[in-house]
Amino acid sequence: MPEFDWKVLETLREPLEAGRITISRAAHQADFPAACQLVAAMNPCPCGWRGDPNGRCRCTPDVATRYLRKLSGPLLDRIDIQIELPALSPAELSGRSASIGETSATVARRVADARDRQLERQGKTNRELDGRAVDAVCQLDATGEALLREAGERFGWSARAYYRVLKVARTIADLAAADSPTATHLAEAIQYRRAFSTA
């Protein structure tokens, strides 16, 4: 992602937030549907070796910081799931076939069931919920509320990030066929939005 021009990246903010793009030219304005699912990747620094235990990274801290700062806070706020994937060791790569998980068909069925659950409950997917609707369908118990408050303060979340975490927790609960999100679902959602530092 940071290989793209900063202005190009910033234009993603509107479609990620509103699901549409408005183009204004002279006295005319046009709205275009632009709901999308963004899947993006990036290296931790320009050379890609930052944090490597063998010390292969040659980027200075300033160079790595400048690279990460190409992704603004408002843009990152609009990305629901942010996960750091460490490099696998040769031993882990060679043992990859030993740990076969669920089949794609099984996962697809669970996702379709979760989506049906959302449409039946609220007439739209969790992604389309506004703040008030999120509060209505994501009622947490005292443990969940305390966990959410603590995470929000620790990671300095904006209101947008706060509600996006709740939507992800609601979706995790739907995938598990749970009536409401528990602290466990919320903890998983928080893990999917690990503190991403551009500082």
N, C-alpha and C. Protein backbone atom coordinates (compact mmCIF):
# COMPACT_ATOMS: atom_id res chain seq x y z
N MET A 1 0.80 -1.22 0.00
CA MET A 1 0.00 0.00 0.00
C MET A 1 0.83 1.28 0.00
N PRO A 2 1.88 1.37 0.80
CA PRO A 2 2.64 2.63 0.82
C PRO A 2 3.38 2.94 -0.48
N GLU A 3 3.39 2.00 -1.42
CA GLU A 3 4.03 2.28 -2.70
C GLU A 3 3.18 3.20 -3.58
N PHE A 4 1.89 3.34 -3.24
CA PHE A 4 1.03 4.25 -3.98
C PHE A 4 1.24 5.68 -3.49
N ASP A 5 0.95 6.63 -4.35
CA ASP A 5 1.04 8.05 -3.99
C ASP A 5 0.06 8.35 -2.86
N TRP A 6 0.47 9.23 -1.95
CA TRP A 6 -0.34 9.57 -0.78
C TRP A 6 -1.73 10.07 -1.20
N LYS A 7 -1.79 10.92 -2.22
CA LYS A 7 -3.09 11.47 -2.66
C LYS A 7 -4.00 10.37 -3.18
N VAL A 8 -3.43 9.40 -3.85
CA VAL A 8 -4.24 8.27 -4.35
C VAL A 8 -4.81 7.48 -3.18
N LEU A 9 -3.99 7.22 -2.18
CA LEU A 9 -4.45 6.48 -1.01
C LEU A 9 -5.57 7.23 -0.29
N GLU A 10 -5.43 8.55 -0.19
CA GLU A 10 -6.44 9.34 0.52
C GLU A 10 -7.80 9.34 -0.20
N THR A 11 -7.80 9.14 -1.51
CA THR A 11 -9.08 9.10 -2.23
C THR A 11 -9.88 7.84 -1.88
N LEU A 12 -9.25 6.87 -1.23
CA LEU A 12 -9.97 5.67 -0.81
C LEU A 12 -10.90 5.94 0.38
N ARG A 13 -10.67 7.04 1.08
CA ARG A 13 -11.43 7.29 2.30
C ARG A 13 -12.94 7.36 2.06
N GLU A 14 -13.36 8.06 1.02
CA GLU A 14 -14.80 8.21 0.76
C GLU A 14 -15.48 6.89 0.42
N PRO A 15 -14.97 6.12 -0.54
CA PRO A 15 -15.67 4.85 -0.83
C PRO A 15 -15.64 3.87 0.35
N LEU A 16 -14.56 3.87 1.13
CA LEU A 16 -14.50 2.97 2.28
C LEU A 16 -15.50 3.37 3.36
N GLU A 17 -15.76 4.66 3.48
CA GLU A 17 -16.68 5.15 4.51
C GLU A 17 -18.13 5.11 4.04
N ALA A 18 -18.39 5.67 2.85
CA ALA A 18 -19.77 5.86 2.40
C ALA A 18 -20.24 4.86 1.37
N GLY A 19 -19.30 4.14 0.73
CA GLY A 19 -19.70 3.20 -0.31
C GLY A 19 -20.07 3.87 -1.62
N ARG A 20 -19.67 5.13 -1.76
CA ARG A 20 -19.93 5.87 -3.01
C ARG A 20 -18.86 6.95 -3.17
N ILE A 21 -18.78 7.47 -4.38
CA ILE A 21 -17.85 8.56 -4.68
C ILE A 21 -18.65 9.69 -5.31
N THR A 22 -18.40 10.90 -4.86
CA THR A 22 -19.02 12.09 -5.44
C THR A 22 -17.97 12.85 -6.22
N ILE A 23 -18.26 13.13 -7.47
CA ILE A 23 -17.34 13.88 -8.33
C ILE A 23 -18.00 15.20 -8.69
N SER A 24 -17.32 16.29 -8.38
CA SER A 24 -17.84 17.63 -8.67
C SER A 24 -16.97 18.28 -9.74
N ARG A 25 -17.60 18.76 -10.78
CA ARG A 25 -16.92 19.48 -11.85
C ARG A 25 -17.76 20.68 -12.23
N ALA A 26 -17.20 21.87 -12.11
CA ALA A 26 -17.89 23.12 -12.43
C ALA A 26 -19.24 23.15 -11.70
N ALA A 27 -20.34 23.22 -12.45
CA ALA A 27 -21.66 23.32 -11.82
C ALA A 27 -22.34 21.97 -11.70
N HIS A 28 -21.64 20.91 -12.01
CA HIS A 28 -22.26 19.59 -12.01
C HIS A 28 -21.65 18.70 -10.92
N GLN A 29 -22.47 17.81 -10.43
CA GLN A 29 -22.02 16.84 -9.42
C GLN A 29 -22.65 15.50 -9.73
N ALA A 30 -21.88 14.45 -9.60
CA ALA A 30 -22.39 13.10 -9.87
C ALA A 30 -21.96 12.15 -8.77
N ASP A 31 -22.88 11.30 -8.35
CA ASP A 31 -22.60 10.26 -7.35
C ASP A 31 -22.49 8.92 -8.06
N PHE A 32 -21.47 8.16 -7.70
CA PHE A 32 -21.27 6.84 -8.27
C PHE A 32 -21.18 5.81 -7.14
N PRO A 33 -21.85 4.65 -7.30
CA PRO A 33 -21.69 3.60 -6.29
C PRO A 33 -20.25 3.10 -6.29
N ALA A 34 -19.69 2.92 -5.10
CA ALA A 34 -18.30 2.48 -5.00
C ALA A 34 -18.07 1.63 -3.76
N ALA A 35 -19.10 0.88 -3.35
CA ALA A 35 -18.92 -0.01 -2.21
C ALA A 35 -17.90 -1.08 -2.60
N CYS A 36 -16.93 -1.27 -1.76
CA CYS A 36 -15.86 -2.22 -2.11
C CYS A 36 -15.37 -2.94 -0.87
N GLN A 37 -14.66 -4.00 -1.12
CA GLN A 37 -13.98 -4.71 -0.05
C GLN A 37 -12.49 -4.57 -0.34
N LEU A 38 -11.81 -3.80 0.49
CA LEU A 38 -10.39 -3.54 0.28
C LEU A 38 -9.55 -4.60 0.99
N VAL A 39 -8.70 -5.25 0.24
CA VAL A 39 -7.72 -6.18 0.81
C VAL A 39 -6.36 -5.63 0.39
N ALA A 40 -5.56 -5.24 1.33
CA ALA A 40 -4.28 -4.59 1.03
C ALA A 40 -3.17 -5.22 1.86
N ALA A 41 -1.97 -5.05 1.38
CA ALA A 41 -0.80 -5.57 2.10
C ALA A 41 0.31 -4.54 2.04
N MET A 42 1.24 -4.66 2.95
CA MET A 42 2.40 -3.77 2.96
C MET A 42 3.54 -4.44 3.70
N ASN A 43 4.73 -3.99 3.41
CA ASN A 43 5.91 -4.43 4.14
C ASN A 43 6.10 -3.52 5.35
N PRO A 44 6.86 -3.93 6.35
CA PRO A 44 7.08 -3.09 7.53
C PRO A 44 8.05 -1.93 7.28
N CYS A 45 8.75 -1.97 6.16
CA CYS A 45 9.70 -0.92 5.79
C CYS A 45 9.99 -1.07 4.30
N PRO A 46 10.69 -0.12 3.68
CA PRO A 46 10.93 -0.22 2.23
C PRO A 46 11.65 -1.50 1.79
N CYS A 47 12.60 -2.00 2.59
CA CYS A 47 13.32 -3.20 2.17
C CYS A 47 12.57 -4.48 2.53
N GLY A 48 11.60 -4.38 3.46
CA GLY A 48 10.77 -5.51 3.82
C GLY A 48 11.31 -6.39 4.93
N TRP A 49 12.47 -6.05 5.51
CA TRP A 49 13.09 -6.92 6.51
C TRP A 49 13.03 -6.37 7.93
N ARG A 50 12.30 -5.29 8.17
CA ARG A 50 12.26 -4.71 9.53
C ARG A 50 11.76 -5.74 10.53
N GLY A 51 12.48 -5.87 11.63
CA GLY A 51 12.11 -6.84 12.66
C GLY A 51 12.64 -8.24 12.42
N ASP A 52 13.38 -8.44 11.32
CA ASP A 52 13.92 -9.77 11.01
C ASP A 52 14.97 -10.14 12.06
N PRO A 53 14.87 -11.34 12.67
CA PRO A 53 15.83 -11.72 13.72
C PRO A 53 17.27 -11.86 13.22
N ASN A 54 17.44 -12.03 11.91
CA ASN A 54 18.80 -12.15 11.37
C ASN A 54 19.43 -10.80 11.03
N GLY A 55 18.73 -9.71 11.32
CA GLY A 55 19.28 -8.38 11.12
C GLY A 55 19.49 -7.99 9.68
N ARG A 56 18.64 -8.47 8.77
CA ARG A 56 18.82 -8.16 7.35
C ARG A 56 18.32 -6.77 6.96
N CYS A 57 17.53 -6.11 7.83
CA CYS A 57 17.01 -4.79 7.50
C CYS A 57 18.13 -3.75 7.57
N ARG A 58 18.22 -2.92 6.54
CA ARG A 58 19.21 -1.85 6.49
C ARG A 58 18.54 -0.47 6.52
N CYS A 59 17.24 -0.42 6.76
CA CYS A 59 16.52 0.85 6.79
C CYS A 59 16.74 1.54 8.14
N THR A 60 16.97 2.82 8.11
CA THR A 60 17.09 3.58 9.35
C THR A 60 15.69 3.74 9.94
N PRO A 61 15.57 4.02 11.24
CA PRO A 61 14.25 4.25 11.83
C PRO A 61 13.48 5.36 11.13
N ASP A 62 14.19 6.43 10.71
CA ASP A 62 13.52 7.53 10.01
C ASP A 62 12.92 7.08 8.69
N VAL A 63 13.66 6.26 7.95
CA VAL A 63 13.18 5.77 6.65
C VAL A 63 11.94 4.89 6.86
N ALA A 64 11.98 4.00 7.84
CA ALA A 64 10.84 3.12 8.11
C ALA A 64 9.63 3.93 8.56
N THR A 65 9.84 4.95 9.39
CA THR A 65 8.74 5.79 9.87
C THR A 65 8.11 6.56 8.72
N ARG A 66 8.92 7.13 7.85
CA ARG A 66 8.40 7.86 6.69
C ARG A 66 7.55 6.94 5.80
N TYR A 67 8.03 5.72 5.66
CA TYR A 67 7.31 4.73 4.84
C TYR A 67 5.93 4.45 5.43
N LEU A 68 5.85 4.22 6.72
CA LEU A 68 4.58 3.91 7.38
C LEU A 68 3.65 5.11 7.42
N ARG A 69 4.22 6.32 7.46
CA ARG A 69 3.39 7.52 7.55
C ARG A 69 2.67 7.85 6.25
N LYS A 70 2.95 7.09 5.20
CA LYS A 70 2.20 7.29 3.96
C LYS A 70 0.75 6.87 4.13
N LEU A 71 0.47 6.10 5.18
CA LEU A 71 -0.90 5.70 5.49
C LEU A 71 -1.38 6.59 6.63
N SER A 72 -2.32 7.48 6.33
CA SER A 72 -2.79 8.43 7.34
C SER A 72 -3.68 7.75 8.37
N GLY A 73 -3.81 8.38 9.52
CA GLY A 73 -4.70 7.88 10.57
C GLY A 73 -6.14 7.74 10.10
N PRO A 74 -6.70 8.77 9.41
CA PRO A 74 -8.08 8.64 8.92
C PRO A 74 -8.27 7.49 7.94
N LEU A 75 -7.27 7.20 7.11
CA LEU A 75 -7.38 6.06 6.19
C LEU A 75 -7.35 4.75 6.98
N LEU A 76 -6.42 4.63 7.91
CA LEU A 76 -6.32 3.41 8.72
C LEU A 76 -7.58 3.18 9.55
N ASP A 77 -8.21 4.28 10.00
CA ASP A 77 -9.45 4.17 10.76
C ASP A 77 -10.54 3.44 9.98
N ARG A 78 -10.48 3.53 8.66
CA ARG A 78 -11.52 2.96 7.81
C ARG A 78 -11.22 1.51 7.40
N ILE A 79 -10.11 0.97 7.87
CA ILE A 79 -9.76 -0.42 7.57
C ILE A 79 -10.07 -1.25 8.81
N ASP A 80 -11.10 -2.08 8.71
CA ASP A 80 -11.64 -2.78 9.88
C ASP A 80 -10.66 -3.76 10.52
N ILE A 81 -9.97 -4.52 9.70
CA ILE A 81 -9.10 -5.57 10.22
C ILE A 81 -7.67 -5.29 9.78
N GLN A 82 -6.77 -5.19 10.75
CA GLN A 82 -5.36 -4.90 10.48
C GLN A 82 -4.52 -5.92 11.26
N ILE A 83 -3.88 -6.81 10.53
CA ILE A 83 -3.14 -7.89 11.18
C ILE A 83 -1.71 -7.90 10.69
N GLU A 84 -0.79 -8.03 11.63
CA GLU A 84 0.62 -8.19 11.27
C GLU A 84 0.92 -9.68 11.13
N LEU A 85 1.49 -10.05 10.00
CA LEU A 85 1.83 -11.45 9.75
C LEU A 85 3.34 -11.61 9.76
N PRO A 86 3.90 -12.22 10.78
CA PRO A 86 5.35 -12.42 10.80
C PRO A 86 5.77 -13.47 9.77
N ALA A 87 7.01 -13.38 9.35
CA ALA A 87 7.53 -14.36 8.39
C ALA A 87 7.57 -15.75 9.03
N LEU A 88 7.29 -16.77 8.22
CA LEU A 88 7.34 -18.14 8.71
C LEU A 88 8.76 -18.68 8.58
N SER A 89 9.14 -19.49 9.55
CA SER A 89 10.45 -20.14 9.49
C SER A 89 10.41 -21.29 8.48
N PRO A 90 11.56 -21.77 8.02
CA PRO A 90 11.56 -22.93 7.11
C PRO A 90 10.85 -24.13 7.70
N ALA A 91 10.98 -24.35 9.02
CA ALA A 91 10.30 -25.49 9.65
C ALA A 91 8.79 -25.34 9.57
N GLU A 92 8.29 -24.11 9.79
CA GLU A 92 6.85 -23.87 9.71
C GLU A 92 6.35 -24.04 8.28
N LEU A 93 7.14 -23.58 7.31
CA LEU A 93 6.75 -23.72 5.92
C LEU A 93 6.69 -25.18 5.49
N SER A 94 7.64 -25.98 5.93
CA SER A 94 7.66 -27.39 5.53
C SER A 94 6.55 -28.19 6.20
N GLY A 95 6.05 -27.71 7.34
CA GLY A 95 4.98 -28.43 8.04
C GLY A 95 3.60 -27.91 7.73
N ARG A 96 3.47 -27.03 6.72
CA ARG A 96 2.19 -26.39 6.43
C ARG A 96 1.10 -27.36 6.02
N SER A 97 1.45 -28.48 5.35
CA SER A 97 0.42 -29.41 4.90
C SER A 97 -0.12 -30.27 6.03
N ALA A 98 0.61 -30.32 7.15
CA ALA A 98 0.18 -31.16 8.27
C ALA A 98 -1.02 -30.58 9.00
N SER A 99 -1.17 -29.26 8.94
CA SER A 99 -2.26 -28.62 9.68
C SER A 99 -3.33 -28.10 8.71
N ILE A 100 -4.15 -29.00 8.22
CA ILE A 100 -5.20 -28.63 7.28
C ILE A 100 -6.41 -28.18 8.08
N GLY A 101 -6.89 -26.98 7.79
CA GLY A 101 -8.05 -26.44 8.49
C GLY A 101 -9.35 -26.79 7.80
N GLU A 102 -10.33 -25.92 7.95
CA GLU A 102 -11.63 -26.14 7.33
C GLU A 102 -11.54 -25.99 5.82
N THR A 103 -12.44 -26.65 5.13
CA THR A 103 -12.50 -26.49 3.67
C THR A 103 -13.14 -25.16 3.34
N SER A 104 -12.89 -24.67 2.14
CA SER A 104 -13.50 -23.41 1.69
C SER A 104 -15.02 -23.50 1.68
N ALA A 105 -15.55 -24.66 1.32
CA ALA A 105 -17.00 -24.84 1.28
C ALA A 105 -17.61 -24.70 2.67
N THR A 106 -16.93 -25.23 3.69
CA THR A 106 -17.43 -25.13 5.06
C THR A 106 -17.44 -23.68 5.52
N VAL A 107 -16.35 -22.97 5.24
CA VAL A 107 -16.27 -21.56 5.63
C VAL A 107 -17.31 -20.73 4.88
N ALA A 108 -17.48 -20.99 3.59
CA ALA A 108 -18.45 -20.25 2.79
C ALA A 108 -19.87 -20.44 3.33
N ARG A 109 -20.19 -21.66 3.76
CA ARG A 109 -21.52 -21.92 4.32
C ARG A 109 -21.72 -21.14 5.62
N ARG A 110 -20.70 -21.09 6.47
CA ARG A 110 -20.80 -20.37 7.73
C ARG A 110 -20.94 -18.86 7.49
N VAL A 111 -20.22 -18.34 6.50
CA VAL A 111 -20.32 -16.92 6.16
C VAL A 111 -21.72 -16.60 5.63
N ALA A 112 -22.25 -17.46 4.74
CA ALA A 112 -23.59 -17.25 4.21
C ALA A 112 -24.64 -17.28 5.32
N ASP A 113 -24.48 -18.20 6.27
CA ASP A 113 -25.41 -18.28 7.41
C ASP A 113 -25.34 -17.02 8.26
N ALA A 114 -24.12 -16.53 8.49
CA ALA A 114 -23.95 -15.31 9.30
C ALA A 114 -24.59 -14.11 8.59
N ARG A 115 -24.41 -14.05 7.29
CA ARG A 115 -25.02 -12.94 6.53
C ARG A 115 -26.54 -13.02 6.58
N ASP A 116 -27.08 -14.22 6.44
CA ASP A 116 -28.54 -14.39 6.55
C ASP A 116 -29.03 -13.95 7.92
N ARG A 117 -28.27 -14.27 8.96
CA ARG A 117 -28.62 -13.89 10.32
C ARG A 117 -28.70 -12.37 10.45
N GLN A 118 -27.73 -11.68 9.84
CA GLN A 118 -27.71 -10.21 9.90
C GLN A 118 -28.91 -9.61 9.17
N LEU A 119 -29.21 -10.13 7.97
CA LEU A 119 -30.33 -9.60 7.20
C LEU A 119 -31.66 -9.84 7.91
N GLU A 120 -31.78 -10.99 8.57
CA GLU A 120 -33.01 -11.29 9.29
C GLU A 120 -33.16 -10.39 10.53
N ARG A 121 -32.04 -10.12 11.20
CA ARG A 121 -32.07 -9.32 12.43
C ARG A 121 -32.31 -7.84 12.16
N GLN A 122 -31.62 -7.28 11.15
CA GLN A 122 -31.64 -5.83 10.99
C GLN A 122 -31.89 -5.36 9.56
N GLY A 123 -32.07 -6.29 8.61
CA GLY A 123 -32.38 -5.91 7.25
C GLY A 123 -31.20 -5.43 6.43
N LYS A 124 -30.01 -5.53 6.96
CA LYS A 124 -28.79 -5.11 6.27
C LYS A 124 -27.61 -5.81 6.92
N THR A 125 -26.45 -5.73 6.27
CA THR A 125 -25.26 -6.35 6.86
C THR A 125 -24.71 -5.46 7.97
N ASN A 126 -23.87 -6.03 8.80
CA ASN A 126 -23.27 -5.27 9.90
C ASN A 126 -22.46 -4.08 9.39
N ARG A 127 -21.84 -4.23 8.22
CA ARG A 127 -21.03 -3.15 7.66
C ARG A 127 -21.85 -1.89 7.44
N GLU A 128 -23.15 -2.05 7.14
CA GLU A 128 -24.00 -0.92 6.80
C GLU A 128 -24.64 -0.23 8.01
N LEU A 129 -24.40 -0.72 9.19
CA LEU A 129 -25.02 -0.15 10.39
C LEU A 129 -24.40 1.19 10.76
N ASP A 130 -25.24 2.12 11.20
CA ASP A 130 -24.72 3.38 11.73
C ASP A 130 -24.50 3.22 13.24
N GLY A 131 -23.98 4.26 13.87
CA GLY A 131 -23.62 4.18 15.29
C GLY A 131 -24.76 3.75 16.20
N ARG A 132 -25.94 4.33 16.01
CA ARG A 132 -27.08 4.01 16.88
C ARG A 132 -27.50 2.55 16.70
N ALA A 133 -27.50 2.07 15.44
CA ALA A 133 -27.88 0.68 15.18
C ALA A 133 -26.84 -0.28 15.75
N VAL A 134 -25.55 0.10 15.69
CA VAL A 134 -24.49 -0.74 16.27
C VAL A 134 -24.73 -0.89 17.77
N ASP A 135 -25.06 0.22 18.43
CA ASP A 135 -25.33 0.16 19.88
C ASP A 135 -26.49 -0.78 20.19
N ALA A 136 -27.49 -0.81 19.30
CA ALA A 136 -28.67 -1.65 19.54
C ALA A 136 -28.37 -3.13 19.40
N VAL A 137 -27.52 -3.51 18.43
CA VAL A 137 -27.29 -4.93 18.18
C VAL A 137 -26.00 -5.46 18.82
N CYS A 138 -25.22 -4.57 19.41
CA CYS A 138 -23.95 -4.98 20.03
C CYS A 138 -23.93 -4.65 21.51
N GLN A 139 -24.96 -5.02 22.21
CA GLN A 139 -25.01 -4.74 23.64
C GLN A 139 -24.10 -5.71 24.39
N LEU A 140 -23.13 -5.13 25.09
CA LEU A 140 -22.13 -5.92 25.80
C LEU A 140 -22.47 -6.00 27.28
N ASP A 141 -21.98 -7.06 27.93
CA ASP A 141 -22.13 -7.13 29.38
C ASP A 141 -21.05 -6.25 30.02
N ALA A 142 -21.03 -6.20 31.34
CA ALA A 142 -20.09 -5.32 32.05
C ALA A 142 -18.64 -5.66 31.73
N THR A 143 -18.33 -6.94 31.59
CA THR A 143 -16.97 -7.36 31.27
C THR A 143 -16.57 -6.87 29.89
N GLY A 144 -17.48 -7.03 28.92
CA GLY A 144 -17.21 -6.57 27.56
C GLY A 144 -17.05 -5.07 27.49
N GLU A 145 -17.92 -4.33 28.20
CA GLU A 145 -17.83 -2.86 28.21
C GLU A 145 -16.49 -2.41 28.78
N ALA A 146 -16.05 -3.05 29.87
CA ALA A 146 -14.77 -2.68 30.48
C ALA A 146 -13.62 -2.98 29.54
N LEU A 147 -13.67 -4.11 28.86
CA LEU A 147 -12.62 -4.49 27.90
C LEU A 147 -12.56 -3.50 26.74
N LEU A 148 -13.72 -3.13 26.22
CA LEU A 148 -13.77 -2.19 25.10
C LEU A 148 -13.24 -0.82 25.51
N ARG A 149 -13.63 -0.37 26.68
CA ARG A 149 -13.17 0.94 27.18
C ARG A 149 -11.65 0.95 27.37
N GLU A 150 -11.15 -0.13 27.96
CA GLU A 150 -9.71 -0.23 28.20
C GLU A 150 -8.92 -0.25 26.89
N ALA A 151 -9.41 -1.01 25.91
CA ALA A 151 -8.72 -1.09 24.62
C ALA A 151 -8.75 0.25 23.90
N GLY A 152 -9.91 0.91 23.95
CA GLY A 152 -10.03 2.21 23.29
C GLY A 152 -9.07 3.24 23.86
N GLU A 153 -8.93 3.23 25.18
CA GLU A 153 -8.01 4.17 25.83
C GLU A 153 -6.56 3.80 25.56
N ARG A 154 -6.27 2.53 25.60
CA ARG A 154 -4.88 2.08 25.40
C ARG A 154 -4.38 2.37 23.99
N PHE A 155 -5.24 2.12 22.99
CA PHE A 155 -4.82 2.29 21.60
C PHE A 155 -5.20 3.64 21.02
N GLY A 156 -5.89 4.48 21.80
CA GLY A 156 -6.24 5.81 21.32
C GLY A 156 -7.20 5.81 20.15
N TRP A 157 -8.21 4.95 20.21
CA TRP A 157 -9.15 4.82 19.11
C TRP A 157 -10.00 6.07 18.94
N SER A 158 -10.35 6.36 17.72
CA SER A 158 -11.35 7.39 17.41
C SER A 158 -12.74 6.75 17.57
N ALA A 159 -13.77 7.59 17.46
CA ALA A 159 -15.15 7.05 17.52
C ALA A 159 -15.38 6.08 16.37
N ARG A 160 -14.81 6.38 15.21
CA ARG A 160 -14.97 5.50 14.04
C ARG A 160 -14.36 4.13 14.32
N ALA A 161 -13.15 4.12 14.86
CA ALA A 161 -12.48 2.85 15.17
C ALA A 161 -13.27 2.06 16.22
N TYR A 162 -13.78 2.76 17.21
CA TYR A 162 -14.56 2.14 18.28
C TYR A 162 -15.75 1.37 17.70
N TYR A 163 -16.51 2.04 16.81
CA TYR A 163 -17.69 1.39 16.24
C TYR A 163 -17.33 0.30 15.24
N ARG A 164 -16.21 0.45 14.58
CA ARG A 164 -15.79 -0.61 13.65
C ARG A 164 -15.40 -1.88 14.41
N VAL A 165 -14.78 -1.73 15.56
CA VAL A 165 -14.45 -2.90 16.39
C VAL A 165 -15.74 -3.58 16.84
N LEU A 166 -16.73 -2.80 17.23
CA LEU A 166 -18.01 -3.38 17.63
C LEU A 166 -18.67 -4.15 16.48
N LYS A 167 -18.60 -3.60 15.28
CA LYS A 167 -19.19 -4.30 14.12
C LYS A 167 -18.47 -5.61 13.85
N VAL A 168 -17.15 -5.60 13.98
CA VAL A 168 -16.39 -6.85 13.77
C VAL A 168 -16.76 -7.86 14.86
N ALA A 169 -16.89 -7.41 16.11
CA ALA A 169 -17.28 -8.31 17.20
C ALA A 169 -18.67 -8.89 16.94
N ARG A 170 -19.59 -8.06 16.44
CA ARG A 170 -20.94 -8.53 16.12
C ARG A 170 -20.88 -9.59 15.02
N THR A 171 -20.01 -9.38 14.03
CA THR A 171 -19.86 -10.33 12.93
C THR A 171 -19.25 -11.65 13.42
N ILE A 172 -18.27 -11.56 14.31
CA ILE A 172 -17.67 -12.76 14.88
C ILE A 172 -18.74 -13.55 15.64
N ALA A 173 -19.59 -12.85 16.39
CA ALA A 173 -20.68 -13.52 17.10
C ALA A 173 -21.65 -14.17 16.11
N ASP A 174 -21.93 -13.50 15.00
CA ASP A 174 -22.82 -14.07 13.97
C ASP A 174 -22.21 -15.33 13.37
N LEU A 175 -20.91 -15.31 13.13
CA LEU A 175 -20.24 -16.50 12.58
C LEU A 175 -20.30 -17.67 13.56
N ALA A 176 -20.35 -17.35 14.85
CA ALA A 176 -20.44 -18.39 15.88
C ALA A 176 -21.89 -18.73 16.24
N ALA A 177 -22.85 -18.11 15.52
CA ALA A 177 -24.28 -18.31 15.77
C ALA A 177 -24.67 -17.91 17.19
N ALA A 178 -24.01 -16.89 17.73
CA ALA A 178 -24.31 -16.41 19.09
C ALA A 178 -25.35 -15.30 19.01
N ASP A 179 -26.22 -15.23 20.01
CA ASP A 179 -27.28 -14.21 20.02
C ASP A 179 -26.72 -12.80 20.19
N SER A 180 -25.66 -12.66 20.98
CA SER A 180 -25.05 -11.35 21.19
C SER A 180 -23.55 -11.52 21.38
N PRO A 181 -22.79 -10.47 21.10
CA PRO A 181 -21.33 -10.56 21.26
C PRO A 181 -20.94 -10.70 22.73
N THR A 182 -20.01 -11.58 23.00
CA THR A 182 -19.49 -11.76 24.35
C THR A 182 -18.12 -11.08 24.45
N ALA A 183 -17.55 -11.07 25.63
CA ALA A 183 -16.22 -10.50 25.82
C ALA A 183 -15.19 -11.27 24.97
N THR A 184 -15.42 -12.56 24.77
CA THR A 184 -14.51 -13.36 23.94
C THR A 184 -14.55 -12.90 22.49
N HIS A 185 -15.75 -12.66 21.96
CA HIS A 185 -15.88 -12.15 20.59
C HIS A 185 -15.22 -10.78 20.47
N LEU A 186 -15.43 -9.95 21.49
CA LEU A 186 -14.86 -8.61 21.47
C LEU A 186 -13.33 -8.66 21.52
N ALA A 187 -12.79 -9.55 22.35
CA ALA A 187 -11.33 -9.69 22.45
C ALA A 187 -10.74 -10.11 21.11
N GLU A 188 -11.44 -10.99 20.39
CA GLU A 188 -10.96 -11.40 19.07
C GLU A 188 -10.98 -10.21 18.10
N ALA A 189 -12.05 -9.42 18.15
CA ALA A 189 -12.15 -8.25 17.28
C ALA A 189 -11.04 -7.25 17.57
N ILE A 190 -10.70 -7.08 18.84
CA ILE A 190 -9.61 -6.17 19.23
C ILE A 190 -8.29 -6.68 18.68
N GLN A 191 -8.09 -8.00 18.72
CA GLN A 191 -6.86 -8.58 18.19
C GLN A 191 -6.73 -8.34 16.68
N TYR A 192 -7.87 -8.25 15.99
CA TYR A 192 -7.85 -8.00 14.56
C TYR A 192 -7.61 -6.54 14.24
N ARG A 193 -7.58 -5.71 15.27
CA ARG A 193 -7.28 -4.29 15.06
C ARG A 193 -6.15 -3.91 16.01
N ARG A 194 -5.06 -4.63 15.86
CA ARG A 194 -3.89 -4.36 16.68
C ARG A 194 -3.44 -2.93 16.46
N ALA A 195 -2.84 -2.35 17.47
CA ALA A 195 -2.38 -0.97 17.35
C ALA A 195 -1.41 -0.86 16.18
N PHE A 196 -1.79 -0.06 15.22
CA PHE A 196 -0.94 0.15 14.04
C PHE A 196 -0.29 1.51 14.22
N SER A 197 0.99 1.51 14.43
CA SER A 197 1.66 2.77 14.72
C SER A 197 2.36 3.31 13.49
N THR A 198 2.04 4.56 13.16
CA THR A 198 2.76 5.26 12.10
C THR A 198 3.74 6.27 12.69
N ALA A 199 3.91 6.19 14.02
CA ALA A 199 4.81 7.13 14.68
C ALA A 199 6.21 6.60 14.68
